[in-house]
ModelCIF file with pLDDT and N, C-alpha, C, O atoms, coordinates in Angstrom:
data_MODEL
#
_entry.id   MODEL 
#
_entity.id                         1 
_entity.type                       polymer 
_entity.pdbx_number_of_molecules   1 
#
_entity_poly.entity_id                      1 
_entity_poly.type                           'polypeptide(L)' 
_entity_poly.nstd_linkage                   no 
_entity_poly.nstd_monomer                   no 
_entity_poly.pdbx_seq_one_letter_code       NLRSGAVNRLCRLDGTQVSGGEELVNGDYYVAVGNEEYKKLPYFEL 
_entity_poly.pdbx_seq_one_letter_code_can   NLRSGAVNRLCRLDGTQVSGGEELVNGDYYVAVGNEEYKKLPYFEL 
_entity_poly.pdbx_strand_id                 A 
#
loop_
_entity_poly_seq.entity_id 
_entity_poly_seq.num 
_entity_poly_seq.mon_id 
_entity_poly_seq.hetero 
1 1  ASN n 
1 2  LEU n 
1 3  ARG n 
1 4  SER n 
1 5  GLY n 
1 6  ALA n 
1 7  VAL n 
1 8  ASN n 
1 9  ARG n 
1 10 LEU n 
1 11 CYS n 
1 12 ARG n 
1 13 LEU n 
1 14 ASP n 
1 15 GLY n 
1 16 THR n 
1 17 GLN n 
1 18 VAL n 
1 19 SER n 
1 20 GLY n 
1 21 GLY n 
1 22 GLU n 
1 23 GLU n 
1 24 LEU n 
1 25 VAL n 
1 26 ASN n 
1 27 GLY n 
1 28 ASP n 
1 29 TYR n 
1 30 TYR n 
1 31 VAL n 
1 32 ALA n 
1 33 VAL n 
1 34 GLY n 
1 35 ASN n 
1 36 GLU n 
1 37 GLU n 
1 38 TYR n 
1 39 LYS n 
1 40 LYS n 
1 41 LEU n 
1 42 PRO n 
1 43 TYR n 
1 44 PHE n 
1 45 GLU n 
1 46 LEU n 
#
_struct_asym.id          A 
_struct_asym.entity_id   1 
#
loop_
_ma_qa_metric.id 
_ma_qa_metric.mode 
_ma_qa_metric.name 
_ma_qa_metric.software_group_id 
_ma_qa_metric.type 
1 global pLDDT . pLDDT 
2 local  pLDDT . pLDDT 
#
_ma_qa_metric_global.metric_id      1 
_ma_qa_metric_global.metric_value   94.17 
_ma_qa_metric_global.model_id       1 
_ma_qa_metric_global.ordinal_id     1 
#
loop_
_ma_qa_metric_local.label_asym_id 
_ma_qa_metric_local.label_comp_id 
_ma_qa_metric_local.label_seq_id 
_ma_qa_metric_local.metric_id 
_ma_qa_metric_local.metric_value 
_ma_qa_metric_local.model_id 
_ma_qa_metric_local.ordinal_id 
A ASN 1  2 92.00 1 1  
A LEU 2  2 93.00 1 2  
A ARG 3  2 88.00 1 3  
A SER 4  2 86.00 1 4  
A GLY 5  2 91.00 1 5  
A ALA 6  2 95.00 1 6  
A VAL 7  2 96.00 1 7  
A ASN 8  2 96.00 1 8  
A ARG 9  2 96.00 1 9  
A LEU 10 2 97.00 1 10 
A CYS 11 2 97.00 1 11 
A ARG 12 2 97.00 1 12 
A LEU 13 2 96.00 1 13 
A ASP 14 2 96.00 1 14 
A GLY 15 2 96.00 1 15 
A THR 16 2 97.00 1 16 
A GLN 17 2 97.00 1 17 
A VAL 18 2 96.00 1 18 
A SER 19 2 92.00 1 19 
A GLY 20 2 92.00 1 20 
A GLY 21 2 89.00 1 21 
A GLU 22 2 89.00 1 22 
A GLU 23 2 92.00 1 23 
A LEU 24 2 93.00 1 24 
A VAL 25 2 93.00 1 25 
A ASN 26 2 93.00 1 26 
A GLY 27 2 93.00 1 27 
A ASP 28 2 95.00 1 28 
A TYR 29 2 96.00 1 29 
A TYR 30 2 97.00 1 30 
A VAL 31 2 97.00 1 31 
A ALA 32 2 97.00 1 32 
A VAL 33 2 97.00 1 33 
A GLY 34 2 96.00 1 34 
A ASN 35 2 94.00 1 35 
A GLU 36 2 94.00 1 36 
A GLU 37 2 95.00 1 37 
A TYR 38 2 97.00 1 38 
A LYS 39 2 96.00 1 39 
A LYS 40 2 95.00 1 40 
A LEU 41 2 95.00 1 41 
A PRO 42 2 94.00 1 42 
A TYR 43 2 95.00 1 43 
A PHE 44 2 92.00 1 44 
A GLU 45 2 92.00 1 45 
A LEU 46 2 90.00 1 46 
#
loop_
_atom_site.group_PDB 
_atom_site.id 
_atom_site.type_symbol 
_atom_site.label_atom_id 
_atom_site.label_alt_id 
_atom_site.label_comp_id 
_atom_site.label_asym_id 
_atom_site.label_entity_id 
_atom_site.label_seq_id 
_atom_site.pdbx_PDB_ins_code 
_atom_site.Cartn_x 
_atom_site.Cartn_y 
_atom_site.Cartn_z 
_atom_site.occupancy 
_atom_site.B_iso_or_equiv 
_atom_site.pdbx_formal_charge 
_atom_site.auth_seq_id 
_atom_site.auth_comp_id 
_atom_site.auth_asym_id 
_atom_site.auth_atom_id 
_atom_site.pdbx_PDB_model_num 
ATOM 1   N N  . ASN A 1 1  ? 0.830  -1.203  0.000   1.00 92.00 ? 1  ASN A N  1 
ATOM 2   C CA . ASN A 1 1  ? 0.000  0.000   0.000   1.00 92.00 ? 1  ASN A CA 1 
ATOM 3   C C  . ASN A 1 1  ? 0.876  1.270   0.000   1.00 92.00 ? 1  ASN A C  1 
ATOM 4   O O  . ASN A 1 1  ? 0.731  2.140   0.859   1.00 92.00 ? 1  ASN A O  1 
ATOM 5   N N  . LEU A 1 2  ? 1.785  1.349   -0.983  1.00 93.00 ? 2  LEU A N  1 
ATOM 6   C CA . LEU A 1 2  ? 2.682  2.495   -1.093  1.00 93.00 ? 2  LEU A CA 1 
ATOM 7   C C  . LEU A 1 2  ? 1.910  3.755   -1.454  1.00 93.00 ? 2  LEU A C  1 
ATOM 8   O O  . LEU A 1 2  ? 0.916  3.700   -2.178  1.00 93.00 ? 2  LEU A O  1 
ATOM 9   N N  . ARG A 1 3  ? 2.376  4.890   -0.943  1.00 88.00 ? 3  ARG A N  1 
ATOM 10  C CA . ARG A 1 3  ? 1.760  6.170   -1.303  1.00 88.00 ? 3  ARG A CA 1 
ATOM 11  C C  . ARG A 1 3  ? 1.899  6.444   -2.797  1.00 88.00 ? 3  ARG A C  1 
ATOM 12  O O  . ARG A 1 3  ? 1.024  7.062   -3.404  1.00 88.00 ? 3  ARG A O  1 
ATOM 13  N N  . SER A 1 4  ? 2.991  5.987   -3.383  1.00 86.00 ? 4  SER A N  1 
ATOM 14  C CA . SER A 1 4  ? 3.247  6.239   -4.804  1.00 86.00 ? 4  SER A CA 1 
ATOM 15  C C  . SER A 1 4  ? 2.473  5.297   -5.719  1.00 86.00 ? 4  SER A C  1 
ATOM 16  O O  . SER A 1 4  ? 2.548  5.436   -6.940  1.00 86.00 ? 4  SER A O  1 
ATOM 17  N N  . GLY A 1 5  ? 1.733  4.345   -5.161  1.00 91.00 ? 5  GLY A N  1 
ATOM 18  C CA . GLY A 1 5  ? 0.944  3.429   -5.988  1.00 91.00 ? 5  GLY A CA 1 
ATOM 19  C C  . GLY A 1 5  ? 1.552  2.047   -6.058  1.00 91.00 ? 5  GLY A C  1 
ATOM 20  O O  . GLY A 1 5  ? 1.930  1.462   -5.043  1.00 91.00 ? 5  GLY A O  1 
ATOM 21  N N  . ALA A 1 6  ? 1.643  1.530   -7.287  1.00 95.00 ? 6  ALA A N  1 
ATOM 22  C CA . ALA A 1 6  ? 2.081  0.155   -7.514  1.00 95.00 ? 6  ALA A CA 1 
ATOM 23  C C  . ALA A 1 6  ? 3.557  -0.046  -7.181  1.00 95.00 ? 6  ALA A C  1 
ATOM 24  O O  . ALA A 1 6  ? 4.377  0.862   -7.323  1.00 95.00 ? 6  ALA A O  1 
ATOM 25  N N  . VAL A 1 7  ? 3.871  -1.262  -6.733  1.00 96.00 ? 7  VAL A N  1 
ATOM 26  C CA . VAL A 1 7  ? 5.263  -1.654  -6.519  1.00 96.00 ? 7  VAL A CA 1 
ATOM 27  C C  . VAL A 1 7  ? 5.826  -2.065  -7.877  1.00 96.00 ? 7  VAL A C  1 
ATOM 28  O O  . VAL A 1 7  ? 5.335  -2.998  -8.513  1.00 96.00 ? 7  VAL A O  1 
ATOM 29  N N  . ASN A 1 8  ? 6.864  -1.353  -8.307  1.00 96.00 ? 8  ASN A N  1 
ATOM 30  C CA . ASN A 1 8  ? 7.492  -1.647  -9.600  1.00 96.00 ? 8  ASN A CA 1 
ATOM 31  C C  . ASN A 1 8  ? 8.784  -2.430  -9.469  1.00 96.00 ? 8  ASN A C  1 
ATOM 32  O O  . ASN A 1 8  ? 9.201  -3.122  -10.398 1.00 96.00 ? 8  ASN A O  1 
ATOM 33  N N  . ARG A 1 9  ? 9.421  -2.316  -8.295  1.00 96.00 ? 9  ARG A N  1 
ATOM 34  C CA . ARG A 1 9  ? 10.708 -2.977  -8.080  1.00 96.00 ? 9  ARG A CA 1 
ATOM 35  C C  . ARG A 1 9  ? 10.792 -3.488  -6.656  1.00 96.00 ? 9  ARG A C  1 
ATOM 36  O O  . ARG A 1 9  ? 10.121 -2.991  -5.751  1.00 96.00 ? 9  ARG A O  1 
ATOM 37  N N  . LEU A 1 10 ? 11.630 -4.488  -6.484  1.00 97.00 ? 10 LEU A N  1 
ATOM 38  C CA . LEU A 1 10 ? 11.959 -5.002  -5.160  1.00 97.00 ? 10 LEU A CA 1 
ATOM 39  C C  . LEU A 1 10 ? 13.469 -4.913  -5.047  1.00 97.00 ? 10 LEU A C  1 
ATOM 40  O O  . LEU A 1 10 ? 14.191 -5.417  -5.907  1.00 97.00 ? 10 LEU A O  1 
ATOM 41  N N  . CYS A 1 11 ? 13.951 -4.273  -3.987  1.00 97.00 ? 11 CYS A N  1 
ATOM 42  C CA . CYS A 1 11 ? 15.392 -4.075  -3.807  1.00 97.00 ? 11 CYS A CA 1 
ATOM 43  C C  . CYS A 1 11 ? 15.865 -4.728  -2.522  1.00 97.00 ? 11 CYS A C  1 
ATOM 44  O O  . CYS A 1 11 ? 15.103 -4.907  -1.572  1.00 97.00 ? 11 CYS A O  1 
ATOM 45  N N  . ARG A 1 12 ? 17.140 -5.078  -2.517  1.00 97.00 ? 12 ARG A N  1 
ATOM 46  C CA . ARG A 1 12 ? 17.776 -5.525  -1.281  1.00 97.00 ? 12 ARG A CA 1 
ATOM 47  C C  . ARG A 1 12 ? 18.026 -4.297  -0.415  1.00 97.00 ? 12 ARG A C  1 
ATOM 48  O O  . ARG A 1 12 ? 17.858 -3.172  -0.885  1.00 97.00 ? 12 ARG A O  1 
ATOM 49  N N  . LEU A 1 13 ? 18.419 -4.487  0.820   1.00 96.00 ? 13 LEU A N  1 
ATOM 50  C CA . LEU A 1 13 ? 18.633 -3.361  1.727   1.00 96.00 ? 13 LEU A CA 1 
ATOM 51  C C  . LEU A 1 13 ? 19.759 -2.441  1.274   1.00 96.00 ? 13 LEU A C  1 
ATOM 52  O O  . LEU A 1 13 ? 19.790 -1.271  1.657   1.00 96.00 ? 13 LEU A O  1 
ATOM 53  N N  . ASP A 1 14 ? 20.684 -2.951  0.463   1.00 96.00 ? 14 ASP A N  1 
ATOM 54  C CA . ASP A 1 14 ? 21.764 -2.102  -0.040  1.00 96.00 ? 14 ASP A CA 1 
ATOM 55  C C  . ASP A 1 14 ? 21.356 -1.330  -1.294  1.00 96.00 ? 14 ASP A C  1 
ATOM 56  O O  . ASP A 1 14 ? 22.149 -0.553  -1.826  1.00 96.00 ? 14 ASP A O  1 
ATOM 57  N N  . GLY A 1 15 ? 20.123 -1.538  -1.772  1.00 96.00 ? 15 GLY A N  1 
ATOM 58  C CA . GLY A 1 15 ? 19.620 -0.807  -2.930  1.00 96.00 ? 15 GLY A CA 1 
ATOM 59  C C  . GLY A 1 15 ? 19.712 -1.538  -4.249  1.00 96.00 ? 15 GLY A C  1 
ATOM 60  O O  . GLY A 1 15 ? 19.175 -1.059  -5.248  1.00 96.00 ? 15 GLY A O  1 
ATOM 61  N N  . THR A 1 16 ? 20.378 -2.693  -4.291  1.00 97.00 ? 16 THR A N  1 
ATOM 62  C CA . THR A 1 16 ? 20.454 -3.428  -5.557  1.00 97.00 ? 16 THR A CA 1 
ATOM 63  C C  . THR A 1 16 ? 19.103 -4.057  -5.865  1.00 97.00 ? 16 THR A C  1 
ATOM 64  O O  . THR A 1 16 ? 18.424 -4.577  -4.980  1.00 97.00 ? 16 THR A O  1 
ATOM 65  N N  . GLN A 1 17 ? 18.736 -3.999  -7.117  1.00 97.00 ? 17 GLN A N  1 
ATOM 66  C CA . GLN A 1 17 ? 17.419 -4.462  -7.541  1.00 97.00 ? 17 GLN A CA 1 
ATOM 67  C C  . GLN A 1 17 ? 17.399 -5.972  -7.716  1.00 97.00 ? 17 GLN A C  1 
ATOM 68  O O  . GLN A 1 17 ? 18.344 -6.558  -8.244  1.00 97.00 ? 17 GLN A O  1 
ATOM 69  N N  . VAL A 1 18 ? 16.318 -6.595  -7.269  1.00 96.00 ? 18 VAL A N  1 
ATOM 70  C CA . VAL A 1 18 ? 16.083 -8.029  -7.476  1.00 96.00 ? 18 VAL A CA 1 
ATOM 71  C C  . VAL A 1 18 ? 15.351 -8.146  -8.803  1.00 96.00 ? 18 VAL A C  1 
ATOM 72  O O  . VAL A 1 18 ? 14.375 -7.436  -9.045  1.00 96.00 ? 18 VAL A O  1 
ATOM 73  N N  . SER A 1 19 ? 15.822 -9.038  -9.661  1.00 92.00 ? 19 SER A N  1 
ATOM 74  C CA . SER A 1 19 ? 15.220 -9.117  -10.994 1.00 92.00 ? 19 SER A CA 1 
ATOM 75  C C  . SER A 1 19 ? 14.299 -10.320 -11.190 1.00 92.00 ? 19 SER A C  1 
ATOM 76  O O  . SER A 1 19 ? 13.640 -10.422 -12.225 1.00 92.00 ? 19 SER A O  1 
ATOM 77  N N  . GLY A 1 20 ? 14.240 -11.223 -10.225 1.00 92.00 ? 20 GLY A N  1 
ATOM 78  C CA . GLY A 1 20 ? 13.364 -12.379 -10.378 1.00 92.00 ? 20 GLY A CA 1 
ATOM 79  C C  . GLY A 1 20 ? 13.177 -13.111 -9.062  1.00 92.00 ? 20 GLY A C  1 
ATOM 80  O O  . GLY A 1 20 ? 13.966 -12.959 -8.130  1.00 92.00 ? 20 GLY A O  1 
ATOM 81  N N  . GLY A 1 21 ? 12.114 -13.911 -9.001  1.00 89.00 ? 21 GLY A N  1 
ATOM 82  C CA . GLY A 1 21 ? 11.788 -14.640 -7.783  1.00 89.00 ? 21 GLY A CA 1 
ATOM 83  C C  . GLY A 1 21 ? 12.842 -15.632 -7.352  1.00 89.00 ? 21 GLY A C  1 
ATOM 84  O O  . GLY A 1 21 ? 12.951 -15.942 -6.165  1.00 89.00 ? 21 GLY A O  1 
ATOM 85  N N  . GLU A 1 22 ? 13.627 -16.142 -8.300  1.00 89.00 ? 22 GLU A N  1 
ATOM 86  C CA . GLU A 1 22 ? 14.664 -17.117 -7.945  1.00 89.00 ? 22 GLU A CA 1 
ATOM 87  C C  . GLU A 1 22 ? 15.811 -16.485 -7.170  1.00 89.00 ? 22 GLU A C  1 
ATOM 88  O O  . GLU A 1 22 ? 16.632 -17.208 -6.606  1.00 89.00 ? 22 GLU A O  1 
ATOM 89  N N  . GLU A 1 23 ? 15.896 -15.140 -7.123  1.00 92.00 ? 23 GLU A N  1 
ATOM 90  C CA . GLU A 1 23 ? 16.947 -14.454 -6.368  1.00 92.00 ? 23 GLU A CA 1 
ATOM 91  C C  . GLU A 1 23 ? 16.557 -14.229 -4.905  1.00 92.00 ? 23 GLU A C  1 
ATOM 92  O O  . GLU A 1 23 ? 17.400 -13.835 -4.099  1.00 92.00 ? 23 GLU A O  1 
ATOM 93  N N  . LEU A 1 24 ? 15.309 -14.470 -4.557  1.00 93.00 ? 24 LEU A N  1 
ATOM 94  C CA . LEU A 1 24 ? 14.851 -14.232 -3.186  1.00 93.00 ? 24 LEU A CA 1 
ATOM 95  C C  . LEU A 1 24 ? 15.396 -15.307 -2.251  1.00 93.00 ? 24 LEU A C  1 
ATOM 96  O O  . LEU A 1 24 ? 15.470 -16.484 -2.602  1.00 93.00 ? 24 LEU A O  1 
ATOM 97  N N  . VAL A 1 25 ? 15.775 -14.871 -1.056  1.00 93.00 ? 25 VAL A N  1 
ATOM 98  C CA . VAL A 1 25 ? 16.367 -15.783 -0.072  1.00 93.00 ? 25 VAL A CA 1 
ATOM 99  C C  . VAL A 1 25 ? 15.458 -15.840 1.147   1.00 93.00 ? 25 VAL A C  1 
ATOM 100 O O  . VAL A 1 25 ? 15.047 -14.806 1.673   1.00 93.00 ? 25 VAL A O  1 
ATOM 101 N N  . ASN A 1 26 ? 15.153 -17.031 1.586   1.00 93.00 ? 26 ASN A N  1 
ATOM 102 C CA . ASN A 1 26 ? 14.297 -17.239 2.741   1.00 93.00 ? 26 ASN A CA 1 
ATOM 103 C C  . ASN A 1 26 ? 14.838 -16.488 3.956   1.00 93.00 ? 26 ASN A C  1 
ATOM 104 O O  . ASN A 1 26 ? 16.007 -16.630 4.315   1.00 93.00 ? 26 ASN A O  1 
ATOM 105 N N  . GLY A 1 27 ? 13.963 -15.678 4.592   1.00 93.00 ? 27 GLY A N  1 
ATOM 106 C CA . GLY A 1 27 ? 14.333 -14.960 5.801   1.00 93.00 ? 27 GLY A CA 1 
ATOM 107 C C  . GLY A 1 27 ? 14.971 -13.605 5.571   1.00 93.00 ? 27 GLY A C  1 
ATOM 108 O O  . GLY A 1 27 ? 15.185 -12.861 6.528   1.00 93.00 ? 27 GLY A O  1 
ATOM 109 N N  . ASP A 1 28 ? 15.281 -13.262 4.322   1.00 95.00 ? 28 ASP A N  1 
ATOM 110 C CA . ASP A 1 28 ? 15.935 -11.980 4.055   1.00 95.00 ? 28 ASP A CA 1 
ATOM 111 C C  . ASP A 1 28 ? 14.933 -10.826 4.030   1.00 95.00 ? 28 ASP A C  1 
ATOM 112 O O  . ASP A 1 28 ? 13.721 -11.027 3.957   1.00 95.00 ? 28 ASP A O  1 
ATOM 113 N N  . TYR A 1 29 ? 15.476 -9.620  4.092   1.00 96.00 ? 29 TYR A N  1 
ATOM 114 C CA . TYR A 1 29 ? 14.693 -8.385  4.106   1.00 96.00 ? 29 TYR A CA 1 
ATOM 115 C C  . TYR A 1 29 ? 14.875 -7.650  2.785   1.00 96.00 ? 29 TYR A C  1 
ATOM 116 O O  . TYR A 1 29 ? 15.973 -7.600  2.232   1.00 96.00 ? 29 TYR A O  1 
ATOM 117 N N  . TYR A 1 30 ? 13.773 -7.079  2.285   1.00 97.00 ? 30 TYR A N  1 
ATOM 118 C CA . TYR A 1 30 ? 13.764 -6.371  1.014   1.00 97.00 ? 30 TYR A CA 1 
ATOM 119 C C  . TYR A 1 30 ? 12.977 -5.069  1.171   1.00 97.00 ? 30 TYR A C  1 
ATOM 120 O O  . TYR A 1 30 ? 12.302 -4.858  2.179   1.00 97.00 ? 30 TYR A O  1 
ATOM 121 N N  . VAL A 1 31 ? 13.073 -4.194  0.154   1.00 97.00 ? 31 VAL A N  1 
ATOM 122 C CA . VAL A 1 31 ? 12.349 -2.925  0.156   1.00 97.00 ? 31 VAL A CA 1 
ATOM 123 C C  . VAL A 1 31 ? 11.496 -2.856  -1.102  1.00 97.00 ? 31 VAL A C  1 
ATOM 124 O O  . VAL A 1 31 ? 12.004 -3.003  -2.214  1.00 97.00 ? 31 VAL A O  1 
ATOM 125 N N  . ALA A 1 32 ? 10.182 -2.631  -0.919  1.00 97.00 ? 32 ALA A N  1 
ATOM 126 C CA . ALA A 1 32 ? 9.254  -2.468  -2.042  1.00 97.00 ? 32 ALA A CA 1 
ATOM 127 C C  . ALA A 1 32 ? 9.340  -1.020  -2.524  1.00 97.00 ? 32 ALA A C  1 
ATOM 128 O O  . ALA A 1 32 ? 9.193  -0.090  -1.732  1.00 97.00 ? 32 ALA A O  1 
ATOM 129 N N  . VAL A 1 33 ? 9.579  -0.830  -3.834  1.00 97.00 ? 33 VAL A N  1 
ATOM 130 C CA . VAL A 1 33 ? 9.781  0.498   -4.406  1.00 97.00 ? 33 VAL A CA 1 
ATOM 131 C C  . VAL A 1 33 ? 8.784  0.711   -5.548  1.00 97.00 ? 33 VAL A C  1 
ATOM 132 O O  . VAL A 1 33 ? 8.575  -0.168  -6.384  1.00 97.00 ? 33 VAL A O  1 
ATOM 133 N N  . GLY A 1 34 ? 8.180  1.892   -5.562  1.00 96.00 ? 34 GLY A N  1 
ATOM 134 C CA . GLY A 1 34 ? 7.256  2.253   -6.639  1.00 96.00 ? 34 GLY A CA 1 
ATOM 135 C C  . GLY A 1 34 ? 7.987  2.985   -7.751  1.00 96.00 ? 34 GLY A C  1 
ATOM 136 O O  . GLY A 1 34 ? 9.066  2.565   -8.169  1.00 96.00 ? 34 GLY A O  1 
ATOM 137 N N  . ASN A 1 35 ? 7.396  4.095   -8.243  1.00 94.00 ? 35 ASN A N  1 
ATOM 138 C CA . ASN A 1 35 ? 7.996  4.883   -9.319  1.00 94.00 ? 35 ASN A CA 1 
ATOM 139 C C  . ASN A 1 35 ? 9.172  5.734   -8.847  1.00 94.00 ? 35 ASN A C  1 
ATOM 140 O O  . ASN A 1 35 ? 10.009 6.146   -9.650  1.00 94.00 ? 35 ASN A O  1 
ATOM 141 N N  . GLU A 1 36 ? 9.231  5.996   -7.538  1.00 94.00 ? 36 GLU A N  1 
ATOM 142 C CA . GLU A 1 36 ? 10.277 6.862   -6.992  1.00 94.00 ? 36 GLU A CA 1 
ATOM 143 C C  . GLU A 1 36 ? 11.614 6.130   -6.927  1.00 94.00 ? 36 GLU A C  1 
ATOM 144 O O  . GLU A 1 36 ? 11.687 4.922   -7.152  1.00 94.00 ? 36 GLU A O  1 
ATOM 145 N N  . GLU A 1 37 ? 12.663 6.876   -6.617  1.00 95.00 ? 37 GLU A N  1 
ATOM 146 C CA . GLU A 1 37 ? 13.991 6.297   -6.421  1.00 95.00 ? 37 GLU A CA 1 
ATOM 147 C C  . GLU A 1 37 ? 14.032 5.515   -5.103  1.00 95.00 ? 37 GLU A C  1 
ATOM 148 O O  . GLU A 1 37 ? 13.292 5.815   -4.167  1.00 95.00 ? 37 GLU A O  1 
ATOM 149 N N  . TYR A 1 38 ? 14.900 4.520   -5.048  1.00 97.00 ? 38 TYR A N  1 
ATOM 150 C CA . TYR A 1 38 ? 15.131 3.787   -3.809  1.00 97.00 ? 38 TYR A CA 1 
ATOM 151 C C  . TYR A 1 38 ? 15.725 4.750   -2.779  1.00 97.00 ? 38 TYR A C  1 
ATOM 152 O O  . TYR A 1 38 ? 16.663 5.489   -3.078  1.00 97.00 ? 38 TYR A O  1 
ATOM 153 N N  . LYS A 1 39 ? 15.172 4.733   -1.574  1.00 96.00 ? 39 LYS A N  1 
ATOM 154 C CA . LYS A 1 39 ? 15.653 5.607   -0.504  1.00 96.00 ? 39 LYS A CA 1 
ATOM 155 C C  . LYS A 1 39 ? 16.494 4.780   0.461   1.00 96.00 ? 39 LYS A C  1 
ATOM 156 O O  . LYS A 1 39 ? 15.987 3.917   1.178   1.00 96.00 ? 39 LYS A O  1 
ATOM 157 N N  . LYS A 1 40 ? 17.773 5.065   0.459   1.00 95.00 ? 40 LYS A N  1 
ATOM 158 C CA . LYS A 1 40 ? 18.699 4.318   1.326   1.00 95.00 ? 40 LYS A CA 1 
ATOM 159 C C  . LYS A 1 40 ? 18.566 4.844   2.750   1.00 95.00 ? 40 LYS A C  1 
ATOM 160 O O  . LYS A 1 40 ? 19.093 5.905   3.084   1.00 95.00 ? 40 LYS A O  1 
ATOM 161 N N  . LEU A 1 41 ? 17.868 4.100   3.569   1.00 95.00 ? 41 LEU A N  1 
ATOM 162 C CA . LEU A 1 41 ? 17.610 4.459   4.965   1.00 95.00 ? 41 LEU A CA 1 
ATOM 163 C C  . LEU A 1 41 ? 17.950 3.262   5.852   1.00 95.00 ? 41 LEU A C  1 
ATOM 164 O O  . LEU A 1 41 ? 18.028 2.138   5.356   1.00 95.00 ? 41 LEU A O  1 
ATOM 165 N N  . PRO A 1 42 ? 18.151 3.479   7.146   1.00 94.00 ? 42 PRO A N  1 
ATOM 166 C CA . PRO A 1 42 ? 18.463 2.351   8.052   1.00 94.00 ? 42 PRO A CA 1 
ATOM 167 C C  . PRO A 1 42 ? 17.198 1.583   8.455   1.00 94.00 ? 42 PRO A C  1 
ATOM 168 O O  . PRO A 1 42 ? 16.850 1.529   9.635   1.00 94.00 ? 42 PRO A O  1 
ATOM 169 N N  . TYR A 1 43 ? 16.517 0.993   7.473   1.00 95.00 ? 43 TYR A N  1 
ATOM 170 C CA . TYR A 1 43 ? 15.262 0.276   7.728   1.00 95.00 ? 43 TYR A CA 1 
ATOM 171 C C  . TYR A 1 43 ? 15.432 -0.780  8.817   1.00 95.00 ? 43 TYR A C  1 
ATOM 172 O O  . TYR A 1 43 ? 14.719 -0.784  9.820   1.00 95.00 ? 43 TYR A O  1 
ATOM 173 N N  . PHE A 1 44 ? 16.382 -1.663  8.596   1.00 92.00 ? 44 PHE A N  1 
ATOM 174 C CA . PHE A 1 44 ? 16.563 -2.804  9.491   1.00 92.00 ? 44 PHE A CA 1 
ATOM 175 C C  . PHE A 1 44 ? 16.905 -2.348  10.903  1.00 92.00 ? 44 PHE A C  1 
ATOM 176 O O  . PHE A 1 44 ? 16.314 -2.824  11.873  1.00 92.00 ? 44 PHE A O  1 
ATOM 177 N N  . GLU A 1 45 ? 17.849 -1.437  11.018  1.00 92.00 ? 45 GLU A N  1 
ATOM 178 C CA . GLU A 1 45 ? 18.316 -0.992  12.333  1.00 92.00 ? 45 GLU A CA 1 
ATOM 179 C C  . GLU A 1 45 ? 17.205 -0.298  13.128  1.00 92.00 ? 45 GLU A C  1 
ATOM 180 O O  . GLU A 1 45 ? 17.147 -0.426  14.351  1.00 92.00 ? 45 GLU A O  1 
ATOM 181 N N  . LEU A 1 46 ? 16.325 0.435   12.441  1.00 90.00 ? 46 LEU A N  1 
ATOM 182 C CA . LEU A 1 46 ? 15.289 1.191   13.143  1.00 90.00 ? 46 LEU A CA 1 
ATOM 183 C C  . LEU A 1 46 ? 13.983 0.430   13.347  1.00 90.00 ? 46 LEU A C  1 
ATOM 184 O O  . LEU A 1 46 ? 13.039 0.967   13.926  1.00 90.00 ? 46 LEU A O  1 
#
């Protein structure tokens, strides 16, 4: 339910984009990104 609308990309916490479901790792954390740029913030730590 992003303010920017649809999720267009899924990124790792370091900002690198995931390009397919086979790259997902069980238990890992990701960031859902819409049309805007990826915002590098301390998600996990906070």
